[in-house]
Amino acid sequence: MKEVVKLLMENRPEDPLIFLAEYFDNLADTATALMQAHQKLLLVHHSQPAFYSNLMEAYDTLSHQKGEKQSQNRLKNIVKGSNGLRGLTGKSYNDLLTLLCRDLTNTEAEPLLKQITCFDHEVIRFLVFRCGVLSVLVYQDFLKQADSLYDELDLYERGKADKQLCEVCLDQLSKAVATTSLSDPISVLHAGTYISAKSFQKSALEVLSKGGQNRKTISKEEFVAAAAKMFLSQVPDFR
């Protein structure tokens, strides 16, 4: 309501009632298109060949929804600042990314969304859309991988893994992730497989052989947060 009142005050349409009717009609249509695009993106895993065609269909669905078309015809009334360019607006793109992140905690989602969301008035091209969507999907898989990795490092299943052992693992993972790119998202997930290399095994054995009492540990939350930070360093900042 605050948004539509603001638009009424800014634009002062000749017929406020028609303007309100169109606004809320567009809002309902946007919600429907958003859910359709979201469902399309989740039909198959992003590593499957069919995902790319689903990605294009999701983009097309959001780009050609009623609200988006009217933003071209009534530029000053509904969507400001798009300069008449055809395409997906930042508002719909941002809403989709937020919906895709709903299974993440706020702590996990906020830093990623801060990097990949755009201004509401921007026109989002397909390459930006593709990178943003893949960033979310690969990020979620990467966090799950880090979670499983910690369980492997928790040798005594106490919910606490040896700090030095985790640091060795994170160092190896950091080097692997640094060689990846979101243009090849599967390579980011495959980065985790590098930690099983002989170099890691040797370092891990050295850590474990030292033994000692009162060794420091880190929690799963700390480990996953450190892994997430590595991933985010590879994500471009769209702002």
C-alpha atoms as a PDB file:
ATOM      1  CA  MET A   1       0.000   0.000   0.000  1.00  0.00           C
ATOM      2  CA  LYS A   2       2.844   2.399   0.784  1.00  0.00           C
ATOM      3  CA  GLU A   3       4.364   1.718  -2.614  1.00  0.00           C
ATOM      4  CA  VAL A   4       1.157   2.317  -4.581  1.00  0.00           C
ATOM      5  CA  VAL A   5       0.364   5.486  -2.616  1.00  0.00           C
ATOM      6  CA  LYS A   6       3.849   6.734  -3.393  1.00  0.00           C
ATOM      7  CA  LEU A   7       3.299   6.007  -7.096  1.00  0.00           C
ATOM      8  CA  LEU A   8      -0.048   7.820  -7.007  1.00  0.00           C
ATOM      9  CA  MET A   9       1.541  10.880  -5.445  1.00  0.00           C
ATOM     10  CA  GLU A  10       4.459  10.894  -7.880  1.00  0.00           C
ATOM     11  CA  ASN A  11       2.483  10.313 -11.071  1.00  0.00           C
ATOM     12  CA  ARG A  12      -0.980  11.741 -10.295  1.00  0.00           C
ATOM     13  CA  PRO A  13      -2.801   9.657 -12.970  1.00  0.00           C
ATOM     14  CA  GLU A  14      -5.967  11.058 -14.511  1.00  0.00           C
ATOM     15  CA  ASP A  15      -8.001   8.101 -13.274  1.00  0.00           C
ATOM     16  CA  PRO A  16      -6.620   6.895  -9.902  1.00  0.00           C
ATOM     17  CA  LEU A  17      -9.076   3.979  -9.668  1.00  0.00           C
ATOM     18  CA  ILE A  18      -8.002   2.491 -13.018  1.00  0.00           C
ATOM     19  CA  PHE A  19      -4.384   3.008 -12.011  1.00  0.00           C
ATOM     20  CA  LEU A  20      -4.939   1.109  -8.730  1.00  0.00           C
ATOM     21  CA  ALA A  21      -6.764  -1.716 -10.497  1.00  0.00           C
ATOM     22  CA  GLU A  22      -3.944  -2.129 -13.015  1.00  0.00           C
ATOM     23  CA  TYR A  23      -1.311  -1.958 -10.315  1.00  0.00           C
ATOM     24  CA  PHE A  24      -2.789  -4.765  -8.200  1.00  0.00           C
ATOM     25  CA  ASP A  25      -3.599  -6.824 -11.302  1.00  0.00           C
ATOM     26  CA  ASN A  26       0.038  -6.558 -12.324  1.00  0.00           C
ATOM     27  CA  LEU A  27       1.104  -7.483  -8.804  1.00  0.00           C
ATOM     28  CA  ALA A  28      -0.926 -10.716  -8.897  1.00  0.00           C
ATOM     29  CA  ASP A  29       0.410 -11.565 -12.347  1.00  0.00           C
ATOM     30  CA  THR A  30       3.975 -10.973 -11.171  1.00  0.00           C
ATOM     31  CA  ALA A  31       3.524 -13.400  -8.270  1.00  0.00           C
ATOM     32  CA  THR A  32       2.207 -16.072 -10.639  1.00  0.00           C
ATOM     33  CA  ALA A  33       5.078 -15.622 -13.098  1.00  0.00           C
ATOM     34  CA  LEU A  34       7.569 -15.698 -10.234  1.00  0.00           C
ATOM     35  CA  MET A  35       6.298 -19.053  -8.989  1.00  0.00           C
ATOM     36  CA  GLN A  36       6.294 -20.480 -12.519  1.00  0.00           C
ATOM     37  CA  ALA A  37       9.892 -19.396 -13.082  1.00  0.00           C
ATOM     38  CA  HIS A  38      10.935 -20.769  -9.684  1.00  0.00           C
ATOM     39  CA  GLN A  39       9.328 -24.145 -10.376  1.00  0.00           C
ATOM     40  CA  LYS A  40      10.924 -24.300 -13.811  1.00  0.00           C
ATOM     41  CA  LEU A  41      14.396 -23.783 -12.334  1.00  0.00           C
ATOM     42  CA  LEU A  42      13.918 -26.629  -9.864  1.00  0.00           C
ATOM     43  CA  LEU A  43      12.717 -29.254 -12.345  1.00  0.00           C
ATOM     44  CA  VAL A  44      16.213 -30.677 -12.822  1.00  0.00           C
ATOM     45  CA  HIS A  45      19.561 -30.196 -11.111  1.00  0.00           C
ATOM     46  CA  HIS A  46      21.664 -27.384 -12.538  1.00  0.00           C
ATOM     47  CA  SER A  47      24.316 -29.908 -13.610  1.00  0.00           C
ATOM     48  CA  GLN A  48      21.915 -31.540 -16.085  1.00  0.00           C
ATOM     49  CA  PRO A  49      21.849 -30.479 -19.786  1.00  0.00           C
ATOM     50  CA  ALA A  50      18.102 -29.770 -19.617  1.00  0.00           C
ATOM     51  CA  PHE A  51      18.663 -27.087 -16.998  1.00  0.00           C
ATOM     52  CA  TYR A  52      19.900 -24.535 -19.531  1.00  0.00           C
ATOM     53  CA  SER A  53      16.677 -24.644 -21.535  1.00  0.00           C
ATOM     54  CA  ASN A  54      14.678 -24.383 -18.303  1.00  0.00           C
ATOM     55  CA  LEU A  55      16.782 -21.382 -17.346  1.00  0.00           C
ATOM     56  CA  MET A  56      15.928 -19.651 -20.619  1.00  0.00           C
ATOM     57  CA  GLU A  57      12.236 -20.444 -20.190  1.00  0.00           C
ATOM     58  CA  ALA A  58      12.278 -19.018 -16.659  1.00  0.00           C
ATOM     59  CA  TYR A  59      13.879 -15.837 -17.955  1.00  0.00           C
ATOM     60  CA  ASP A  60      11.324 -15.593 -20.734  1.00  0.00           C
ATOM     61  CA  THR A  61       8.453 -16.133 -18.284  1.00  0.00           C
ATOM     62  CA  LEU A  62       9.559 -13.259 -16.085  1.00  0.00           C
ATOM     63  CA  SER A  63      10.462 -11.019 -19.013  1.00  0.00           C
ATOM     64  CA  HIS A  64       7.064 -11.315 -20.713  1.00  0.00           C
ATOM     65  CA  GLN A  65       4.717 -11.251 -17.738  1.00  0.00           C
ATOM     66  CA  LYS A  66       1.914  -8.708 -17.911  1.00  0.00           C
ATOM     67  CA  GLY A  67       3.526  -6.425 -15.362  1.00  0.00           C
ATOM     68  CA  GLU A  68       6.749  -6.339 -17.342  1.00  0.00           C
ATOM     69  CA  LYS A  69       4.943  -5.506 -20.594  1.00  0.00           C
ATOM     70  CA  GLN A  70       3.040  -2.677 -18.995  1.00  0.00           C
ATOM     71  CA  SER A  71       6.245  -1.305 -17.585  1.00  0.00           C
ATOM     72  CA  GLN A  72       7.247  -0.702 -21.201  1.00  0.00           C
ATOM     73  CA  ASN A  73       3.989   1.055 -22.095  1.00  0.00           C
ATOM     74  CA  ARG A  74       3.513   3.017 -18.899  1.00  0.00           C
ATOM     75  CA  LEU A  75       7.122   3.602 -17.993  1.00  0.00           C
ATOM     76  CA  LYS A  76       6.612   6.567 -15.725  1.00  0.00           C
ATOM     77  CA  ASN A  77       3.584   5.120 -13.949  1.00  0.00           C
ATOM     78  CA  ILE A  78       4.573   1.569 -13.069  1.00  0.00           C
ATOM     79  CA  VAL A  79       8.354   1.089 -13.384  1.00  0.00           C
ATOM     80  CA  LYS A  80      10.652   4.076 -13.262  1.00  0.00           C
ATOM     81  CA  GLY A  81      14.091   4.179 -14.788  1.00  0.00           C
ATOM     82  CA  SER A  82      14.009   1.284 -17.266  1.00  0.00           C
ATOM     83  CA  ASN A  83      14.524   3.727 -20.149  1.00  0.00           C
ATOM     84  CA  GLY A  84      12.034   1.838 -22.278  1.00  0.00           C
ATOM     85  CA  LEU A  85      14.334  -1.141 -22.738  1.00  0.00           C
ATOM     86  CA  ARG A  86      12.704  -4.519 -23.111  1.00  0.00           C
ATOM     87  CA  GLY A  87      13.646  -7.284 -20.737  1.00  0.00           C
ATOM     88  CA  LEU A  88      13.456  -8.490 -17.174  1.00  0.00           C
ATOM     89  CA  THR A  89      13.416  -5.790 -14.489  1.00  0.00           C
ATOM     90  CA  GLY A  90      15.646  -5.930 -11.446  1.00  0.00           C
ATOM     91  CA  LYS A  91      12.647  -6.158  -9.117  1.00  0.00           C
ATOM     92  CA  SER A  92      11.452  -9.483 -10.565  1.00  0.00           C
ATOM     93  CA  TYR A  93      15.018 -10.793 -10.773  1.00  0.00           C
ATOM     94  CA  ASN A  94      15.708  -9.923  -7.128  1.00  0.00           C
ATOM     95  CA  ASP A  95      12.431 -11.486  -6.011  1.00  0.00           C
ATOM     96  CA  LEU A  96      13.353 -14.726  -7.770  1.00  0.00           C
ATOM     97  CA  LEU A  97      16.802 -14.848  -6.160  1.00  0.00           C
ATOM     98  CA  THR A  98      15.247 -14.282  -2.727  1.00  0.00           C
ATOM     99  CA  LEU A  99      12.785 -17.110  -3.374  1.00  0.00           C
ATOM    100  CA  LEU A 100      15.600 -19.443  -4.419  1.00  0.00           C
ATOM    101  CA  CYS A 101      17.405 -18.632  -1.163  1.00  0.00           C
ATOM    102  CA  ARG A 102      14.492 -19.514   1.090  1.00  0.00           C
ATOM    103  CA  ASP A 103      16.143 -22.731   2.314  1.00  0.00           C
ATOM    104  CA  LEU A 104      19.247 -20.836   3.461  1.00  0.00           C
ATOM    105  CA  THR A 105      19.572 -19.084   6.801  1.00  0.00           C
ATOM    106  CA  ASN A 106      19.693 -15.288   6.812  1.00  0.00           C
ATOM    107  CA  THR A 107      23.379 -15.456   7.717  1.00  0.00           C
ATOM    108  CA  GLU A 108      24.088 -17.620   4.682  1.00  0.00           C
ATOM    109  CA  ALA A 109      21.823 -15.816   2.203  1.00  0.00           C
ATOM    110  CA  GLU A 110      22.428 -12.143   2.965  1.00  0.00           C
ATOM    111  CA  PRO A 111      26.094 -11.865   1.865  1.00  0.00           C
ATOM    112  CA  LEU A 112      25.356 -13.677  -1.398  1.00  0.00           C
ATOM    113  CA  LEU A 113      22.251 -11.623  -2.203  1.00  0.00           C
ATOM    114  CA  LYS A 114      24.166  -8.453  -1.447  1.00  0.00           C
ATOM    115  CA  GLN A 115      26.569  -9.337  -4.254  1.00  0.00           C
ATOM    116  CA  ILE A 116      24.211 -10.629  -6.923  1.00  0.00           C
ATOM    117  CA  THR A 117      21.061  -8.500  -6.627  1.00  0.00           C
ATOM    118  CA  CYS A 118      20.620  -5.458  -8.854  1.00  0.00           C
ATOM    119  CA  PHE A 119      18.697  -2.210  -8.610  1.00  0.00           C
ATOM    120  CA  ASP A 120      14.952  -2.638  -9.034  1.00  0.00           C
ATOM    121  CA  HIS A 121      14.830  -0.305 -12.038  1.00  0.00           C
ATOM    122  CA  GLU A 122      17.592  -2.055 -13.989  1.00  0.00           C
ATOM    123  CA  VAL A 123      16.952  -4.195 -17.045  1.00  0.00           C
ATOM    124  CA  ILE A 124      18.522  -7.595 -16.411  1.00  0.00           C
ATOM    125  CA  ARG A 125      20.117  -9.294 -19.391  1.00  0.00           C
ATOM    126  CA  PHE A 126      20.174 -13.065 -19.686  1.00  0.00           C
ATOM    127  CA  LEU A 127      23.891 -13.451 -18.870  1.00  0.00           C
ATOM    128  CA  VAL A 128      23.398 -11.609 -15.583  1.00  0.00           C
ATOM    129  CA  PHE A 129      20.273 -13.665 -14.862  1.00  0.00           C
ATOM    130  CA  ARG A 130      22.157 -16.896 -15.563  1.00  0.00           C
ATOM    131  CA  CYS A 131      25.084 -15.976 -13.312  1.00  0.00           C
ATOM    132  CA  GLY A 132      22.815 -14.882 -10.469  1.00  0.00           C
ATOM    133  CA  VAL A 133      20.640 -17.994 -10.535  1.00  0.00           C
ATOM    134  CA  LEU A 134      23.623 -20.348 -10.792  1.00  0.00           C
ATOM    135  CA  SER A 135      25.360 -18.507  -7.956  1.00  0.00           C
ATOM    136  CA  VAL A 136      22.458 -19.347  -5.648  1.00  0.00           C
ATOM    137  CA  LEU A 137      22.046 -22.960  -6.750  1.00  0.00           C
ATOM    138  CA  VAL A 138      25.748 -23.821  -6.691  1.00  0.00           C
ATOM    139  CA  TYR A 139      26.183 -21.991  -3.377  1.00  0.00           C
ATOM    140  CA  GLN A 140      23.533 -24.159  -1.752  1.00  0.00           C
ATOM    141  CA  ASP A 141      25.185 -27.339  -2.999  1.00  0.00           C
ATOM    142  CA  PHE A 142      28.594 -26.071  -1.916  1.00  0.00           C
ATOM    143  CA  LEU A 143      27.381 -25.437   1.641  1.00  0.00           C
ATOM    144  CA  LYS A 144      25.927 -28.953   1.796  1.00  0.00           C
ATOM    145  CA  GLN A 145      29.273 -30.296   0.615  1.00  0.00           C
ATOM    146  CA  ALA A 146      31.092 -28.324   3.323  1.00  0.00           C
ATOM    147  CA  ASP A 147      28.670 -29.659   5.926  1.00  0.00           C
ATOM    148  CA  SER A 148      29.370 -33.254   4.869  1.00  0.00           C
ATOM    149  CA  LEU A 149      33.094 -32.564   4.791  1.00  0.00           C
ATOM    150  CA  TYR A 150      33.038 -31.401   8.398  1.00  0.00           C
ATOM    151  CA  ASP A 151      31.328 -34.637   9.407  1.00  0.00           C
ATOM    152  CA  GLU A 152      34.259 -36.530   7.882  1.00  0.00           C
ATOM    153  CA  LEU A 153      36.696 -34.411   9.885  1.00  0.00           C
ATOM    154  CA  ASP A 154      34.790 -34.969  13.122  1.00  0.00           C
ATOM    155  CA  LEU A 155      36.662 -38.225  13.670  1.00  0.00           C
ATOM    156  CA  TYR A 156      35.084 -39.051  17.015  1.00  0.00           C
ATOM    157  CA  GLU A 157      31.588 -37.831  16.111  1.00  0.00           C
ATOM    158  CA  ARG A 158      31.463 -35.392  19.008  1.00  0.00           C
ATOM    159  CA  GLY A 159      30.305 -32.385  17.027  1.00  0.00           C
ATOM    160  CA  LYS A 160      33.763 -30.892  17.371  1.00  0.00           C
ATOM    161  CA  ALA A 161      36.535 -31.306  14.807  1.00  0.00           C
ATOM    162  CA  ASP A 162      40.219 -30.648  15.375  1.00  0.00           C
ATOM    163  CA  LYS A 163      41.016 -27.029  14.520  1.00  0.00           C
ATOM    164  CA  GLN A 164      44.377 -27.721  12.884  1.00  0.00           C
ATOM    165  CA  LEU A 165      42.914 -30.525  10.788  1.00  0.00           C
ATOM    166  CA  CYS A 166      40.079 -28.249   9.658  1.00  0.00           C
ATOM    167  CA  GLU A 167      42.521 -25.469   8.819  1.00  0.00           C
ATOM    168  CA  VAL A 168      44.539 -27.834   6.634  1.00  0.00           C
ATOM    169  CA  CYS A 169      41.351 -28.904   4.880  1.00  0.00           C
ATOM    170  CA  LEU A 170      40.152 -25.318   4.384  1.00  0.00           C
ATOM    171  CA  ASP A 171      43.550 -24.310   3.019  1.00  0.00           C
ATOM    172  CA  GLN A 172      43.395 -27.086   0.436  1.00  0.00           C
ATOM    173  CA  LEU A 173      39.791 -26.208  -0.407  1.00  0.00           C
ATOM    174  CA  SER A 174      40.682 -22.534  -0.790  1.00  0.00           C
ATOM    175  CA  LYS A 175      43.394 -23.334  -3.321  1.00  0.00           C
ATOM    176  CA  ALA A 176      40.999 -25.539  -5.288  1.00  0.00           C
ATOM    177  CA  VAL A 177      38.148 -23.001  -5.304  1.00  0.00           C
ATOM    178  CA  ALA A 178      40.526 -20.246  -6.449  1.00  0.00           C
ATOM    179  CA  THR A 179      41.005 -22.111  -9.734  1.00  0.00           C
ATOM    180  CA  THR A 180      37.270 -22.368 -10.461  1.00  0.00           C
ATOM    181  CA  SER A 181      34.746 -20.058 -12.093  1.00  0.00           C
ATOM    182  CA  LEU A 182      30.970 -19.689 -11.998  1.00  0.00           C
ATOM    183  CA  SER A 183      31.030 -19.813 -15.782  1.00  0.00           C
ATOM    184  CA  ASP A 184      31.630 -23.509 -15.096  1.00  0.00           C
ATOM    185  CA  PRO A 185      29.634 -23.979 -11.865  1.00  0.00           C
ATOM    186  CA  ILE A 186      30.207 -27.705 -11.646  1.00  0.00           C
ATOM    187  CA  SER A 187      33.926 -27.045 -11.291  1.00  0.00           C
ATOM    188  CA  VAL A 188      33.193 -25.207  -8.039  1.00  0.00           C
ATOM    189  CA  LEU A 189      31.509 -28.268  -6.591  1.00  0.00           C
ATOM    190  CA  HIS A 190      34.266 -30.512  -7.842  1.00  0.00           C
ATOM    191  CA  ALA A 191      36.735 -28.372  -5.922  1.00  0.00           C
ATOM    192  CA  GLY A 192      35.912 -30.345  -2.810  1.00  0.00           C
ATOM    193  CA  THR A 193      37.230 -33.539  -4.349  1.00  0.00           C
ATOM    194  CA  TYR A 194      40.734 -32.098  -4.442  1.00  0.00           C
ATOM    195  CA  ILE A 195      41.062 -32.275  -0.678  1.00  0.00           C
ATOM    196  CA  SER A 196      41.340 -36.052  -0.882  1.00  0.00           C
ATOM    197  CA  ALA A 197      44.615 -35.660  -2.755  1.00  0.00           C
ATOM    198  CA  LYS A 198      47.851 -37.039  -1.320  1.00  0.00           C
ATOM    199  CA  SER A 199      49.008 -33.570  -0.320  1.00  0.00           C
ATOM    200  CA  PHE A 200      46.068 -33.231   2.057  1.00  0.00           C
ATOM    201  CA  GLN A 201      46.420 -36.751   3.399  1.00  0.00           C
ATOM    202  CA  LYS A 202      50.063 -36.140   4.205  1.00  0.00           C
ATOM    203  CA  SER A 203      49.327 -32.861   5.999  1.00  0.00           C
ATOM    204  CA  ALA A 204      46.428 -34.403   7.890  1.00  0.00           C
ATOM    205  CA  LEU A 205      48.566 -37.314   9.098  1.00  0.00           C
ATOM    206  CA  GLU A 206      51.200 -34.871  10.345  1.00  0.00           C
ATOM    207  CA  VAL A 207      48.565 -33.009  12.349  1.00  0.00           C
ATOM    208  CA  LEU A 208      47.094 -36.169  13.844  1.00  0.00           C
ATOM    209  CA  SER A 209      50.492 -37.680  14.676  1.00  0.00           C
ATOM    210  CA  LYS A 210      51.334 -34.762  16.966  1.00  0.00           C
ATOM    211  CA  GLY A 211      48.607 -35.793  19.376  1.00  0.00           C
ATOM    212  CA  GLY A 212      48.703 -33.811  22.606  1.00  0.00           C
ATOM    213  CA  GLN A 213      46.155 -32.841  25.191  1.00  0.00           C
ATOM    214  CA  ASN A 214      43.587 -30.047  25.064  1.00  0.00           C
ATOM    215  CA  ARG A 215      43.736 -29.643  21.313  1.00  0.00           C
ATOM    216  CA  LYS A 216      41.580 -26.798  19.999  1.00  0.00           C
ATOM    217  CA  THR A 217      38.428 -27.564  18.025  1.00  0.00           C
ATOM    218  CA  ILE A 218      36.012 -25.604  15.828  1.00  0.00           C
ATOM    219  CA  SER A 219      32.296 -26.046  15.354  1.00  0.00           C
ATOM    220  CA  LYS A 220      30.534 -27.050  12.170  1.00  0.00           C
ATOM    221  CA  GLU A 221      29.036 -23.548  11.900  1.00  0.00           C
ATOM    222  CA  GLU A 222      32.519 -21.985  11.932  1.00  0.00           C
ATOM    223  CA  PHE A 223      33.810 -24.434   9.342  1.00  0.00           C
ATOM    224  CA  VAL A 224      30.876 -23.974   6.965  1.00  0.00           C
ATOM    225  CA  ALA A 225      31.064 -20.177   7.356  1.00  0.00           C
ATOM    226  CA  ALA A 226      34.740 -20.237   6.396  1.00  0.00           C
ATOM    227  CA  ALA A 227      33.952 -22.367   3.327  1.00  0.00           C
ATOM    228  CA  ALA A 228      31.103 -20.025   2.370  1.00  0.00           C
ATOM    229  CA  LYS A 229      33.480 -17.070   2.486  1.00  0.00           C
ATOM    230  CA  MET A 230      35.744 -18.830  -0.015  1.00  0.00           C
ATOM    231  CA  PHE A 231      32.833 -19.374  -2.380  1.00  0.00           C
ATOM    232  CA  LEU A 232      31.657 -15.777  -2.119  1.00  0.00           C
ATOM    233  CA  SER A 233      35.123 -14.550  -3.060  1.00  0.00           C
ATOM    234  CA  GLN A 234      34.551 -16.096  -6.507  1.00  0.00           C
ATOM    235  CA  VAL A 235      31.127 -14.510  -7.056  1.00  0.00           C
ATOM    236  CA  PRO A 236      31.132 -11.222  -9.003  1.00  0.00           C
ATOM    237  CA  ASP A 237      29.618  -8.180  -7.325  1.00  0.00           C
ATOM    238  CA  PHE A 238      26.810  -7.007  -9.639  1.00  0.00           C
ATOM    239  CA  ARG A 239      26.506  -3.652  -7.911  1.00  0.00           C
END
